[in-house]
């Protein structure tokens, strides 16, 4: 069974830090890139999920959207099939439900043919989300 399970969300004051974790199972971790999305509460339509960072563990490629660049760090532990999102200097506008998602990045994939699309790929598997609330 394919699973992506996020954890680590919570309530934090502005300027604080949180580390989100995404535990993957049931698929080939090495053949998938993992991205973190976020969705502002009240905007449940899928198209309003914002991709904020992704990592392709096979070559170490990472990307960040401008709004989090310099504050968030994505990393992976391939042996444990975990992906982390370290979030520092959090701002109230970071308040959202954070999701991790997996996209096939192996041979023949869009990742393979167009490797620098700033995380904009189709994502096959999604977690259930973890809520992050940043108070001012």
N, C-alpha and C. Protein backbone atom coordinates (compact mmCIF):
# COMPACT_ATOMS: atom_id res chain seq x y z
N UNK A 1 0.85 -1.19 0.00
CA UNK A 1 0.00 0.00 0.00
C UNK A 1 0.88 1.25 0.00
N UNK A 2 0.62 2.14 -0.92
CA UNK A 2 1.36 3.39 -0.98
C UNK A 2 0.90 4.32 0.14
N UNK A 3 1.87 4.85 0.84
CA UNK A 3 1.54 5.80 1.90
C UNK A 3 2.56 6.93 1.96
N UNK A 4 2.07 8.12 2.18
CA UNK A 4 2.88 9.27 2.54
C UNK A 4 2.24 9.84 3.79
N UNK A 5 3.02 9.94 4.84
CA UNK A 5 2.48 10.39 6.11
C UNK A 5 3.29 11.58 6.60
N UNK A 6 2.62 12.72 6.73
CA UNK A 6 3.27 13.92 7.21
C UNK A 6 3.12 14.02 8.73
N UNK A 7 4.09 14.66 9.33
CA UNK A 7 4.02 14.93 10.76
C UNK A 7 4.86 16.17 11.06
N UNK A 8 4.68 16.71 12.26
CA UNK A 8 5.52 17.82 12.69
C UNK A 8 4.84 19.18 12.67
N UNK A 9 3.62 19.23 12.20
CA UNK A 9 2.93 20.51 12.21
C UNK A 9 2.55 20.95 13.62
N UNK A 10 2.07 22.18 13.74
CA UNK A 10 1.67 22.67 15.04
C UNK A 10 1.52 24.18 15.03
N UNK A 11 1.44 24.71 16.23
CA UNK A 11 1.29 26.16 16.43
C UNK A 11 2.63 26.73 16.87
N UNK A 12 3.04 27.79 16.22
CA UNK A 12 4.32 28.41 16.54
C UNK A 12 4.19 29.92 16.39
N UNK A 13 4.96 30.66 17.14
CA UNK A 13 4.95 32.11 17.01
C UNK A 13 5.78 32.54 15.81
N UNK A 14 5.47 33.70 15.29
CA UNK A 14 6.25 34.25 14.19
C UNK A 14 7.72 34.33 14.58
N UNK A 15 8.58 33.95 13.65
CA UNK A 15 10.00 33.90 13.92
C UNK A 15 10.49 32.55 14.40
N UNK A 16 9.56 31.69 14.74
CA UNK A 16 9.93 30.37 15.23
C UNK A 16 10.20 29.37 14.12
N UNK A 17 10.42 28.12 14.52
CA UNK A 17 10.79 27.06 13.58
C UNK A 17 9.95 25.82 13.80
N UNK A 18 9.77 25.07 12.75
CA UNK A 18 9.17 23.74 12.80
C UNK A 18 9.90 22.86 11.78
N UNK A 19 9.90 21.57 12.05
CA UNK A 19 10.42 20.63 11.06
C UNK A 19 9.33 19.63 10.73
N UNK A 20 8.95 19.62 9.48
CA UNK A 20 7.96 18.66 9.01
C UNK A 20 8.68 17.42 8.49
N UNK A 21 8.04 16.28 8.67
CA UNK A 21 8.56 15.02 8.15
C UNK A 21 7.53 14.38 7.24
N UNK A 22 8.03 13.69 6.23
CA UNK A 22 7.17 12.95 5.32
C UNK A 22 7.75 11.54 5.22
N UNK A 23 6.99 10.57 5.70
CA UNK A 23 7.43 9.18 5.68
C UNK A 23 6.77 8.47 4.50
N UNK A 24 7.59 7.89 3.64
CA UNK A 24 7.10 7.25 2.42
C UNK A 24 7.20 5.73 2.54
N UNK A 25 6.23 5.06 1.97
CA UNK A 25 6.27 3.60 1.92
C UNK A 25 5.41 3.11 0.77
N UNK A 26 5.70 1.89 0.31
CA UNK A 26 4.86 1.26 -0.70
C UNK A 26 5.21 1.60 -2.14
N UNK A 27 6.30 2.35 -2.35
CA UNK A 27 6.73 2.63 -3.71
C UNK A 27 8.25 2.84 -3.70
N UNK A 28 8.82 2.86 -4.89
CA UNK A 28 10.27 2.99 -5.00
C UNK A 28 10.69 4.42 -4.71
N UNK A 29 11.25 4.62 -3.53
CA UNK A 29 11.61 5.98 -3.09
C UNK A 29 12.66 6.59 -4.02
N UNK A 30 13.60 5.77 -4.47
CA UNK A 30 14.69 6.29 -5.28
C UNK A 30 14.24 6.73 -6.67
N UNK A 31 13.09 6.26 -7.12
CA UNK A 31 12.56 6.62 -8.43
C UNK A 31 11.52 7.72 -8.37
N UNK A 32 11.39 8.34 -7.21
CA UNK A 32 10.38 9.39 -7.07
C UNK A 32 10.98 10.64 -6.45
N UNK A 33 10.54 11.77 -6.95
CA UNK A 33 10.85 13.04 -6.32
C UNK A 33 9.72 13.35 -5.34
N UNK A 34 10.08 14.05 -4.30
CA UNK A 34 9.11 14.41 -3.27
C UNK A 34 8.99 15.93 -3.21
N UNK A 35 7.78 16.40 -3.15
CA UNK A 35 7.54 17.84 -3.04
C UNK A 35 6.69 18.14 -1.82
N UNK A 36 6.86 19.35 -1.33
CA UNK A 36 5.99 19.87 -0.29
C UNK A 36 5.09 20.92 -0.91
N UNK A 37 3.79 20.78 -0.65
CA UNK A 37 2.78 21.74 -1.07
C UNK A 37 2.16 22.33 0.19
N UNK A 38 1.51 23.45 0.02
CA UNK A 38 0.71 23.96 1.13
C UNK A 38 -0.59 24.55 0.57
N UNK A 39 -1.60 24.50 1.42
CA UNK A 39 -2.91 24.99 1.04
C UNK A 39 -3.45 25.81 2.20
N UNK A 40 -3.81 27.04 1.89
CA UNK A 40 -4.35 27.94 2.91
C UNK A 40 -5.72 27.42 3.34
N UNK A 41 -6.01 27.40 4.62
CA UNK A 41 -7.34 26.95 5.09
C UNK A 41 -8.45 27.72 4.40
N UNK A 42 -9.47 26.98 3.97
CA UNK A 42 -10.60 27.59 3.29
C UNK A 42 -10.48 27.54 1.78
N UNK A 43 -9.30 27.13 1.29
CA UNK A 43 -9.11 27.01 -0.16
C UNK A 43 -8.83 25.55 -0.45
N UNK A 44 -9.89 24.76 -0.52
CA UNK A 44 -9.72 23.32 -0.61
C UNK A 44 -9.56 22.80 -2.03
N UNK A 45 -9.78 23.62 -3.02
CA UNK A 45 -9.63 23.11 -4.37
C UNK A 45 -8.17 22.79 -4.66
N UNK A 46 -7.95 21.66 -5.29
CA UNK A 46 -6.60 21.16 -5.48
C UNK A 46 -5.73 22.14 -6.21
N UNK A 47 -6.27 22.88 -7.15
CA UNK A 47 -5.44 23.78 -7.93
C UNK A 47 -4.90 24.91 -7.10
N UNK A 48 -5.43 25.10 -5.88
CA UNK A 48 -4.94 26.17 -5.05
C UNK A 48 -3.88 25.69 -4.06
N UNK A 49 -3.41 24.50 -4.23
CA UNK A 49 -2.26 24.05 -3.46
C UNK A 49 -1.01 24.64 -4.11
N UNK A 50 -0.17 25.21 -3.29
CA UNK A 50 1.05 25.86 -3.78
C UNK A 50 2.24 24.93 -3.55
N UNK A 51 2.97 24.63 -4.59
CA UNK A 51 4.18 23.84 -4.41
C UNK A 51 5.27 24.76 -3.90
N UNK A 52 5.91 24.39 -2.80
CA UNK A 52 6.88 25.29 -2.21
C UNK A 52 8.31 24.75 -2.29
N UNK A 53 8.47 23.44 -2.40
CA UNK A 53 9.81 22.89 -2.48
C UNK A 53 9.73 21.46 -2.97
N UNK A 54 10.82 21.00 -3.60
CA UNK A 54 10.89 19.60 -3.99
C UNK A 54 12.33 19.13 -3.95
N UNK A 55 12.47 17.81 -3.88
CA UNK A 55 13.79 17.21 -3.85
C UNK A 55 13.76 15.93 -4.68
N UNK A 56 14.81 15.77 -5.45
CA UNK A 56 14.97 14.55 -6.24
C UNK A 56 16.22 13.88 -5.70
N UNK A 57 16.01 12.84 -4.91
CA UNK A 57 17.12 12.26 -4.14
C UNK A 57 18.16 11.61 -5.03
N UNK A 58 17.79 11.19 -6.23
CA UNK A 58 18.74 10.48 -7.08
C UNK A 58 19.91 11.37 -7.50
N UNK A 59 19.68 12.69 -7.59
CA UNK A 59 20.78 13.58 -7.97
C UNK A 59 20.91 14.78 -7.04
N UNK A 60 20.11 14.81 -5.98
CA UNK A 60 20.22 15.88 -5.01
C UNK A 60 19.59 17.20 -5.42
N UNK A 61 18.87 17.20 -6.53
CA UNK A 61 18.25 18.44 -7.01
C UNK A 61 17.21 18.91 -6.02
N UNK A 62 17.25 20.20 -5.70
CA UNK A 62 16.23 20.81 -4.87
C UNK A 62 15.77 22.12 -5.50
N UNK A 63 14.58 22.50 -5.17
CA UNK A 63 14.04 23.78 -5.65
C UNK A 63 13.13 24.36 -4.58
N UNK A 64 13.11 25.68 -4.51
CA UNK A 64 12.25 26.38 -3.55
C UNK A 64 11.51 27.50 -4.28
N UNK A 65 10.27 27.69 -3.90
CA UNK A 65 9.57 28.85 -4.41
C UNK A 65 10.13 30.09 -3.71
N UNK A 66 10.01 31.23 -4.35
CA UNK A 66 10.65 32.44 -3.83
C UNK A 66 10.20 32.81 -2.42
N UNK A 67 8.95 32.55 -2.10
CA UNK A 67 8.42 32.98 -0.81
C UNK A 67 9.06 32.25 0.38
N UNK A 68 9.69 31.12 0.14
CA UNK A 68 10.29 30.36 1.24
C UNK A 68 11.81 30.24 1.10
N UNK A 69 12.34 30.69 -0.01
CA UNK A 69 13.78 30.56 -0.25
C UNK A 69 14.56 31.29 0.83
N UNK A 70 15.56 30.62 1.39
CA UNK A 70 16.36 31.19 2.47
C UNK A 70 15.80 30.96 3.85
N UNK A 71 14.56 30.49 3.94
CA UNK A 71 13.94 30.21 5.25
C UNK A 71 13.64 28.73 5.42
N UNK A 72 13.31 28.04 4.36
CA UNK A 72 12.97 26.62 4.42
C UNK A 72 14.10 25.80 3.79
N UNK A 73 14.30 24.61 4.32
CA UNK A 73 15.31 23.69 3.77
C UNK A 73 14.70 22.31 3.64
N UNK A 74 14.77 21.75 2.45
CA UNK A 74 14.28 20.40 2.21
C UNK A 74 15.46 19.44 2.22
N UNK A 75 15.27 18.26 2.78
CA UNK A 75 16.31 17.25 2.80
C UNK A 75 15.67 15.88 2.83
N UNK A 76 16.48 14.88 2.57
CA UNK A 76 15.93 13.52 2.57
C UNK A 76 16.89 12.56 3.24
N UNK A 77 16.33 11.54 3.83
CA UNK A 77 17.08 10.41 4.37
C UNK A 77 16.63 9.21 3.55
N UNK A 78 17.42 8.87 2.54
CA UNK A 78 16.99 7.84 1.59
C UNK A 78 16.88 6.47 2.25
N UNK A 79 17.74 6.20 3.19
CA UNK A 79 17.71 4.90 3.85
C UNK A 79 16.42 4.71 4.65
N UNK A 80 15.93 5.80 5.22
CA UNK A 80 14.71 5.72 6.02
C UNK A 80 13.47 6.12 5.24
N UNK A 81 13.66 6.54 3.99
CA UNK A 81 12.55 6.98 3.14
C UNK A 81 11.79 8.13 3.80
N UNK A 82 12.55 9.08 4.25
CA UNK A 82 11.98 10.25 4.89
C UNK A 82 12.41 11.51 4.15
N UNK A 83 11.51 12.46 4.07
CA UNK A 83 11.83 13.77 3.56
C UNK A 83 11.44 14.79 4.62
N UNK A 84 12.31 15.75 4.84
CA UNK A 84 12.09 16.75 5.86
C UNK A 84 11.91 18.13 5.22
N UNK A 85 11.17 18.97 5.92
CA UNK A 85 11.11 20.37 5.55
C UNK A 85 11.37 21.17 6.82
N UNK A 86 12.58 21.70 6.92
CA UNK A 86 12.93 22.55 8.04
C UNK A 86 12.45 23.96 7.72
N UNK A 87 11.62 24.49 8.58
CA UNK A 87 11.03 25.80 8.35
C UNK A 87 11.48 26.75 9.45
N UNK A 88 12.25 27.73 9.09
CA UNK A 88 12.77 28.72 10.03
C UNK A 88 12.20 30.09 9.73
N UNK A 89 12.29 30.96 10.73
CA UNK A 89 11.79 32.33 10.57
C UNK A 89 10.37 32.32 9.98
N UNK A 90 9.52 31.56 10.62
CA UNK A 90 8.16 31.41 10.11
C UNK A 90 7.38 32.71 10.23
N UNK A 91 6.49 32.92 9.28
CA UNK A 91 5.68 34.12 9.21
C UNK A 91 4.20 33.72 9.25
N UNK A 92 3.34 34.62 9.70
CA UNK A 92 1.90 34.29 9.71
C UNK A 92 1.38 33.84 8.35
N UNK A 93 1.95 34.35 7.28
CA UNK A 93 1.48 33.94 5.95
C UNK A 93 1.92 32.53 5.57
N UNK A 94 2.73 31.89 6.41
CA UNK A 94 3.07 30.48 6.19
C UNK A 94 1.99 29.56 6.75
N UNK A 95 1.01 30.11 7.42
CA UNK A 95 -0.08 29.30 7.96
C UNK A 95 -0.81 28.59 6.84
N UNK A 96 -0.88 27.26 6.95
CA UNK A 96 -1.49 26.45 5.89
C UNK A 96 -1.48 24.99 6.33
N UNK A 97 -2.14 24.17 5.56
CA UNK A 97 -1.97 22.72 5.67
C UNK A 97 -0.88 22.33 4.69
N UNK A 98 0.11 21.61 5.18
CA UNK A 98 1.26 21.23 4.36
C UNK A 98 1.13 19.76 3.97
N UNK A 99 1.31 19.49 2.69
CA UNK A 99 1.20 18.15 2.14
C UNK A 99 2.53 17.76 1.49
N UNK A 100 2.90 16.49 1.62
CA UNK A 100 3.97 16.00 0.78
C UNK A 100 3.36 15.13 -0.32
N UNK A 101 4.03 15.09 -1.44
CA UNK A 101 3.54 14.35 -2.59
C UNK A 101 4.72 13.77 -3.35
N UNK A 102 4.48 12.65 -4.03
CA UNK A 102 5.53 11.95 -4.76
C UNK A 102 5.24 11.93 -6.25
N UNK A 103 6.28 12.13 -7.03
CA UNK A 103 6.18 12.15 -8.48
C UNK A 103 7.23 11.21 -9.07
N UNK A 104 6.82 10.32 -9.97
CA UNK A 104 7.78 9.42 -10.58
C UNK A 104 8.81 10.21 -11.36
N UNK A 105 10.09 9.96 -11.05
CA UNK A 105 11.17 10.73 -11.67
C UNK A 105 12.19 9.85 -12.36
N UNK A 106 11.83 8.57 -12.56
CA UNK A 106 12.77 7.65 -13.17
C UNK A 106 12.78 7.73 -14.69
N UNK A 107 13.36 6.72 -15.28
CA UNK A 107 13.53 6.67 -16.73
C UNK A 107 12.20 6.83 -17.44
N UNK A 108 12.18 7.72 -18.43
CA UNK A 108 10.98 7.93 -19.22
C UNK A 108 10.02 8.96 -18.66
N UNK A 109 10.25 9.43 -17.45
CA UNK A 109 9.33 10.39 -16.84
C UNK A 109 9.59 11.78 -17.37
N UNK A 110 8.68 12.71 -17.05
CA UNK A 110 8.87 14.11 -17.41
C UNK A 110 10.09 14.68 -16.68
N UNK A 111 10.33 14.22 -15.45
CA UNK A 111 11.54 14.60 -14.74
C UNK A 111 12.77 14.22 -15.56
N UNK A 112 12.70 13.06 -16.18
CA UNK A 112 13.84 12.54 -16.93
C UNK A 112 14.09 13.41 -18.16
N UNK A 113 13.01 13.79 -18.84
CA UNK A 113 13.17 14.54 -20.09
C UNK A 113 13.29 16.05 -19.85
N UNK A 114 12.65 16.56 -18.81
CA UNK A 114 12.71 18.00 -18.51
C UNK A 114 12.99 18.15 -17.02
N UNK A 115 14.24 18.05 -16.64
CA UNK A 115 14.59 17.95 -15.22
C UNK A 115 14.53 19.25 -14.43
N UNK A 116 14.24 20.37 -15.04
CA UNK A 116 14.29 21.62 -14.28
C UNK A 116 13.00 22.42 -14.51
N UNK A 117 11.91 21.86 -14.04
CA UNK A 117 10.59 22.50 -14.18
C UNK A 117 10.12 23.12 -12.87
N UNK A 118 11.07 23.34 -11.95
CA UNK A 118 10.72 24.02 -10.69
C UNK A 118 9.59 23.30 -9.95
N UNK A 119 9.70 21.99 -9.88
CA UNK A 119 8.77 21.14 -9.13
C UNK A 119 7.41 21.01 -9.83
N UNK A 120 7.23 21.54 -10.99
CA UNK A 120 5.93 21.50 -11.66
C UNK A 120 5.80 20.24 -12.50
N UNK A 121 5.37 19.17 -11.82
CA UNK A 121 5.15 17.87 -12.43
C UNK A 121 3.84 17.31 -11.90
N UNK A 122 3.41 16.22 -12.49
CA UNK A 122 2.26 15.52 -11.94
C UNK A 122 2.70 14.71 -10.73
N UNK A 123 1.91 14.74 -9.69
CA UNK A 123 2.23 14.02 -8.47
C UNK A 123 1.22 12.89 -8.27
N UNK A 124 1.77 11.69 -8.12
CA UNK A 124 0.93 10.49 -8.12
C UNK A 124 0.38 10.16 -6.74
N UNK A 125 1.13 10.46 -5.71
CA UNK A 125 0.74 10.06 -4.36
C UNK A 125 0.79 11.29 -3.46
N UNK A 126 -0.17 11.33 -2.53
CA UNK A 126 -0.29 12.46 -1.63
C UNK A 126 -0.48 11.98 -0.19
N UNK A 127 0.04 12.77 0.73
CA UNK A 127 -0.25 12.51 2.13
C UNK A 127 -1.55 13.20 2.55
N UNK A 128 -1.87 13.06 3.82
CA UNK A 128 -3.13 13.60 4.33
C UNK A 128 -2.98 15.04 4.82
N UNK A 129 -1.75 15.50 4.96
CA UNK A 129 -1.52 16.88 5.36
C UNK A 129 -1.27 17.04 6.84
N UNK A 130 -0.52 18.08 7.17
CA UNK A 130 -0.29 18.45 8.56
C UNK A 130 -0.43 19.97 8.65
N UNK A 131 -1.12 20.42 9.68
CA UNK A 131 -1.46 21.84 9.78
C UNK A 131 -0.36 22.61 10.49
N UNK A 132 -0.02 23.73 9.92
CA UNK A 132 0.95 24.66 10.51
C UNK A 132 0.25 25.99 10.73
N UNK A 133 0.29 26.48 11.96
CA UNK A 133 -0.30 27.77 12.29
C UNK A 133 0.77 28.65 12.89
N UNK A 134 0.96 29.81 12.30
CA UNK A 134 1.97 30.76 12.78
C UNK A 134 1.24 31.99 13.31
N UNK A 135 1.40 32.24 14.58
CA UNK A 135 0.74 33.39 15.19
C UNK A 135 1.64 34.61 15.17
N UNK A 136 1.02 35.75 15.08
CA UNK A 136 1.80 37.01 15.01
C UNK A 136 2.06 37.58 16.40
